[in-house]
């Protein structure tokens, strides 16, 4: 098959983008502490160190608490925004939804510093709670982007038929609408969970004395002997992220198929 210039560019781009990730498991199983070729042999020592590290375990628990809370809150807020944006018409809707989606294009460091100044000005102590607030702000636009597709493909006649049969707005939403958008809800929650679990900048500024997984990894990069363990941890995180995003994409496509909508591709 002839390799066109565009295909060659795409191939080189993907290689440049994913080559560092592909090298993670290579050095995670390397017996040497120096991250360089040639490899010295295969070992599981670094994975053992990772599992026996108490500080790492505490950071992982903190990150899981933050990610789970972020997924629930972001998806809940996303349901409200997506339902409002796809079902109702009101003055200023475009402006309001635009402001909600603004964190998608704002530099995260600007958002983090702004939140830090506001929270300290209000006398709020930095903790896991403040990290959750920041992550919800970042993850909610992604949740809305996924849920917009789910809500926009709903057949409005189903809702009107439920009203004609005596259902209230709440019972119609609970019994008719939510089951139809459930794959979108799951996809949105998995997306928000993955974003929160991997996010570093917000956690770095807002965690205070609490340690999250990304901030722990950053702190260990100063110690060369810890690099192989970080490689092992990175391998596990990449694998977990791929699994979560694959599940999110599966439920997104399942939701589109359930409503009979056309798949335009990707989360956004």
Protein backbone atom coordinates (compact mmCIF):
# COMPACT_ATOMS: atom_id res chain seq x y z
CA UNK A 1 0.00 0.00 0.00
CA UNK A 2 1.34 3.38 -1.01
CA UNK A 3 2.25 5.59 1.94
CA UNK A 4 1.00 9.12 1.24
CA UNK A 5 2.47 12.21 2.83
CA UNK A 6 -0.54 12.64 5.10
CA UNK A 7 -0.37 9.04 6.31
CA UNK A 8 3.35 9.33 6.93
CA UNK A 9 2.78 12.52 8.93
CA UNK A 10 0.04 10.85 10.98
CA UNK A 11 2.26 7.82 11.64
CA UNK A 12 5.20 9.97 12.77
CA UNK A 13 2.92 12.10 14.92
CA UNK A 14 1.43 9.06 16.69
CA UNK A 15 4.91 7.60 17.17
CA UNK A 16 6.16 10.86 18.71
CA UNK A 17 3.07 11.07 20.93
CA UNK A 18 2.98 7.51 22.24
CA UNK A 19 6.61 6.35 22.15
CA UNK A 20 7.33 7.67 25.70
CA UNK A 21 4.26 5.81 26.98
CA UNK A 22 5.35 2.61 25.27
CA UNK A 23 8.74 2.89 26.98
CA UNK A 24 7.17 2.99 30.46
CA UNK A 25 6.60 -0.78 30.80
CA UNK A 26 9.99 -1.46 29.19
CA UNK A 27 11.89 0.31 31.98
CA UNK A 28 9.37 -0.73 34.65
CA UNK A 29 10.53 -4.33 34.21
CA UNK A 30 14.20 -3.41 33.78
CA UNK A 31 16.53 -4.73 36.48
CA UNK A 32 18.73 -1.62 36.44
CA UNK A 33 18.13 1.69 38.20
CA UNK A 34 19.45 3.72 35.25
CA UNK A 35 16.82 4.58 32.65
CA UNK A 36 18.87 3.81 29.57
CA UNK A 37 19.59 1.08 27.05
CA UNK A 38 20.81 -1.63 27.05
CA UNK A 39 18.50 -3.29 29.58
CA UNK A 40 20.07 -5.35 32.34
CA UNK A 41 17.31 -7.94 32.69
CA UNK A 42 13.72 -8.49 33.80
CA UNK A 43 12.49 -7.97 37.34
CA UNK A 44 9.30 -7.34 39.34
CA UNK A 45 11.21 -5.61 42.16
CA UNK A 46 9.90 -2.12 41.35
CA UNK A 47 6.30 -3.29 41.44
CA UNK A 48 6.98 -4.86 44.82
CA UNK A 49 8.42 -1.57 46.11
CA UNK A 50 5.36 0.22 44.78
CA UNK A 51 2.97 -2.10 46.65
CA UNK A 52 4.90 -1.84 49.94
CA UNK A 53 5.18 1.98 49.94
CA UNK A 54 2.85 3.35 52.65
CA UNK A 55 3.14 6.97 51.50
CA UNK A 56 2.20 5.94 48.00
CA UNK A 57 -0.77 4.01 49.39
CA UNK A 58 -2.02 7.07 51.28
CA UNK A 59 -1.63 9.23 48.17
CA UNK A 60 -3.57 6.66 46.13
CA UNK A 61 -6.41 6.62 48.67
CA UNK A 62 -6.59 10.43 48.59
CA UNK A 63 -6.66 10.44 44.79
CA UNK A 64 -9.38 7.79 44.66
CA UNK A 65 -11.53 9.75 47.13
CA UNK A 66 -11.04 12.93 45.08
CA UNK A 67 -11.66 11.18 41.75
CA UNK A 68 -14.81 9.40 42.94
CA UNK A 69 -16.24 12.59 44.46
CA UNK A 70 -15.37 14.52 41.31
CA UNK A 71 -17.05 11.92 39.09
CA UNK A 72 -20.29 12.02 41.10
CA UNK A 73 -20.47 15.81 41.43
CA UNK A 74 -19.39 16.56 37.85
CA UNK A 75 -21.87 14.09 36.38
CA UNK A 76 -24.69 15.44 38.55
CA UNK A 77 -23.96 19.03 37.54
CA UNK A 78 -23.52 17.89 33.95
CA UNK A 79 -27.00 16.35 33.96
CA UNK A 80 -28.54 19.67 35.03
CA UNK A 81 -26.60 21.69 32.45
CA UNK A 82 -27.12 19.24 29.58
CA UNK A 83 -30.84 18.91 30.32
CA UNK A 84 -31.20 22.66 30.44
CA UNK A 85 -29.20 23.24 27.27
CA UNK A 86 -30.92 20.61 25.13
CA UNK A 87 -34.52 20.83 26.37
CA UNK A 88 -35.30 24.45 27.26
CA UNK A 89 -34.96 27.84 25.58
CA UNK A 90 -34.39 30.89 27.75
CA UNK A 91 -32.69 34.25 27.57
CA UNK A 92 -28.93 34.14 28.01
CA UNK A 93 -28.67 30.36 27.60
CA UNK A 94 -25.73 30.53 25.20
CA UNK A 95 -23.81 32.86 27.51
CA UNK A 96 -24.45 30.76 30.62
CA UNK A 97 -23.44 27.51 28.94
CA UNK A 98 -20.40 29.25 27.45
CA UNK A 99 -19.24 30.32 30.92
CA UNK A 100 -19.73 26.78 32.24
CA UNK A 101 -17.61 25.37 29.39
CA UNK A 102 -14.92 28.05 29.79
CA UNK A 103 -12.52 25.87 31.87
CA UNK A 104 -12.01 23.78 28.72
CA UNK A 105 -9.99 26.59 27.13
CA UNK A 106 -8.52 28.32 30.19
CA UNK A 107 -4.94 27.38 31.22
CA UNK A 108 -5.17 25.17 34.28
CA UNK A 109 -2.45 27.05 36.11
CA UNK A 110 -4.54 30.25 35.84
CA UNK A 111 -7.57 28.41 37.20
CA UNK A 112 -5.50 26.90 40.02
CA UNK A 113 -3.91 30.19 41.11
CA UNK A 114 -7.28 31.97 40.93
CA UNK A 115 -8.93 29.32 43.08
CA UNK A 116 -6.03 29.44 45.53
CA UNK A 117 -6.37 33.21 45.96
CA UNK A 118 -10.16 33.05 46.34
CA UNK A 119 -10.15 30.16 48.81
CA UNK A 120 -7.41 31.66 50.98
CA UNK A 121 -9.21 35.00 50.88
CA UNK A 122 -12.35 33.27 52.16
CA UNK A 123 -10.38 31.58 54.94
CA UNK A 124 -10.89 28.06 53.57
CA UNK A 125 -8.18 25.63 54.66
CA UNK A 126 -6.50 23.76 51.82
CA UNK A 127 -7.36 20.06 51.88
CA UNK A 128 -8.82 17.24 49.84
CA UNK A 129 -12.10 19.18 49.77
CA UNK A 130 -10.53 22.14 47.96
CA UNK A 131 -8.95 19.80 45.42
CA UNK A 132 -12.38 18.28 44.78
CA UNK A 133 -13.79 21.77 44.15
CA UNK A 134 -11.06 22.48 41.62
CA UNK A 135 -11.42 19.13 39.88
CA UNK A 136 -15.19 19.50 39.63
CA UNK A 137 -14.66 22.86 37.94
CA UNK A 138 -12.28 21.27 35.42
CA UNK A 139 -14.19 18.02 34.83
CA UNK A 140 -17.75 19.35 34.59
CA UNK A 141 -17.35 20.74 31.02
CA UNK A 142 -16.18 17.31 29.84
CA UNK A 143 -19.17 15.71 31.54
CA UNK A 144 -21.49 18.20 29.85
CA UNK A 145 -19.93 17.51 26.44
CA UNK A 146 -20.68 13.79 26.83
CA UNK A 147 -24.16 14.30 28.29
CA UNK A 148 -25.16 16.86 25.67
CA UNK A 149 -24.92 14.12 23.06
CA UNK A 150 -27.00 11.77 25.20
CA UNK A 151 -29.76 14.28 25.95
CA UNK A 152 -29.91 15.82 22.46
CA UNK A 153 -30.76 12.45 20.88
CA UNK A 154 -33.78 11.79 23.11
CA UNK A 155 -37.15 11.58 21.38
CA UNK A 156 -39.24 14.36 22.93
CA UNK A 157 -42.45 12.53 22.02
CA UNK A 158 -41.64 9.91 24.68
CA UNK A 159 -41.64 12.60 27.33
CA UNK A 160 -44.89 14.11 26.03
CA UNK A 161 -46.52 10.67 25.98
CA UNK A 162 -45.58 10.16 29.64
CA UNK A 163 -47.22 13.49 30.54
CA UNK A 164 -50.38 12.45 28.68
CA UNK A 165 -50.47 9.22 30.69
CA UNK A 166 -50.44 11.14 33.98
CA UNK A 167 -46.77 11.11 34.93
CA UNK A 168 -45.26 14.14 36.64
CA UNK A 169 -42.11 15.89 35.40
CA UNK A 170 -40.03 14.23 38.10
CA UNK A 171 -41.40 10.72 37.51
CA UNK A 172 -40.96 11.16 33.74
CA UNK A 173 -37.38 12.22 34.26
CA UNK A 174 -36.71 9.33 36.64
CA UNK A 175 -38.54 6.56 34.77
CA UNK A 176 -38.13 7.57 31.13
CA UNK A 177 -35.26 9.98 30.59
CA UNK A 178 -32.63 8.71 33.03
CA UNK A 179 -32.77 5.06 31.84
CA UNK A 180 -32.29 6.24 28.25
CA UNK A 181 -29.24 8.37 29.11
CA UNK A 182 -27.71 5.91 31.61
CA UNK A 183 -24.87 4.90 29.22
CA UNK A 184 -24.04 8.60 28.86
CA UNK A 185 -24.05 9.00 32.64
CA UNK A 186 -21.63 6.11 33.06
CA UNK A 187 -19.41 7.42 30.28
CA UNK A 188 -19.42 10.90 31.81
CA UNK A 189 -18.56 9.59 35.27
CA UNK A 190 -15.68 7.47 33.95
CA UNK A 191 -14.35 10.43 31.99
CA UNK A 192 -14.46 12.74 35.04
CA UNK A 193 -12.88 10.03 37.22
CA UNK A 194 -9.98 9.59 34.79
CA UNK A 195 -9.41 13.34 34.44
CA UNK A 196 -9.37 13.82 38.21
CA UNK A 197 -7.10 10.84 38.87
CA UNK A 198 -4.46 12.14 36.44
CA UNK A 199 -4.74 15.87 37.20
CA UNK A 200 -1.65 17.50 38.74
CA UNK A 201 -1.76 21.31 38.59
CA UNK A 202 -4.97 21.85 40.59
CA UNK A 203 -3.85 19.32 43.21
CA UNK A 204 -0.39 20.89 43.45
CA UNK A 205 -1.84 24.29 44.36
CA UNK A 206 -4.91 23.29 46.39
CA UNK A 207 -3.97 20.10 48.28
CA UNK A 208 -2.15 21.84 51.12
CA UNK A 209 -0.48 19.20 53.30
CA UNK A 210 -2.43 16.37 51.67
CA UNK A 211 -0.62 14.27 49.07
CA UNK A 212 -2.29 13.02 45.91
CA UNK A 213 -0.91 10.48 43.48
CA UNK A 214 0.30 12.97 40.83
CA UNK A 215 1.93 15.25 43.44
CA UNK A 216 3.62 12.23 45.04
CA UNK A 217 5.03 11.18 41.67
CA UNK A 218 6.33 14.70 41.09
CA UNK A 219 8.03 14.78 44.50
CA UNK A 220 9.83 11.49 43.85
CA UNK A 221 11.36 12.57 40.55
CA UNK A 222 14.16 14.32 42.48
CA UNK A 223 15.47 10.95 43.69
CA UNK A 224 17.09 8.86 40.92
CA UNK A 225 16.71 5.59 42.85
CA UNK A 226 12.92 6.10 42.93
CA UNK A 227 12.60 6.50 39.15
CA UNK A 228 12.16 2.76 38.37
CA UNK A 229 9.33 2.53 40.92
CA UNK A 230 7.72 5.59 39.33
CA UNK A 231 8.00 3.86 35.96
CA UNK A 232 6.17 0.85 37.41
CA UNK A 233 3.51 3.13 38.88
CA UNK A 234 3.18 4.96 35.57
CA UNK A 235 2.64 1.66 33.78
CA UNK A 236 -0.22 0.78 36.12
CA UNK A 237 -1.77 4.25 35.77
CA UNK A 238 -1.58 4.21 31.97
CA UNK A 239 -3.19 0.78 31.89
CA UNK A 240 -5.94 1.90 34.28
CA UNK A 241 -6.58 5.07 32.23
CA UNK A 242 -6.84 3.06 29.00
CA UNK A 243 -9.32 0.67 30.60
CA UNK A 244 -11.46 3.50 32.02
CA UNK A 245 -11.51 5.46 28.77
CA UNK A 246 -12.30 2.32 26.79
CA UNK A 247 -15.25 1.65 29.08
CA UNK A 248 -16.37 5.27 28.76
CA UNK A 249 -16.25 5.07 24.96
CA UNK A 250 -18.14 1.77 25.02
CA UNK A 251 -20.97 3.21 27.09
CA UNK A 252 -21.02 6.37 24.95
CA UNK A 253 -21.51 4.31 21.79
CA UNK A 254 -24.02 2.08 23.54
CA UNK A 255 -26.04 5.15 24.51
CA UNK A 256 -26.03 6.43 20.93
CA UNK A 257 -27.10 3.04 19.62
CA UNK A 258 -29.86 2.86 22.22
CA UNK A 259 -31.37 6.15 21.05
CA UNK A 260 -30.70 5.52 17.36
CA UNK A 261 -28.45 8.58 16.99
CA UNK A 262 -25.60 8.86 14.53
CA UNK A 263 -22.09 8.58 15.94
CA UNK A 264 -20.02 11.61 14.97
CA UNK A 265 -16.96 10.17 16.73
CA UNK A 266 -15.16 10.76 20.02
CA UNK A 267 -16.26 12.24 23.32
CA UNK A 268 -16.24 15.84 22.14
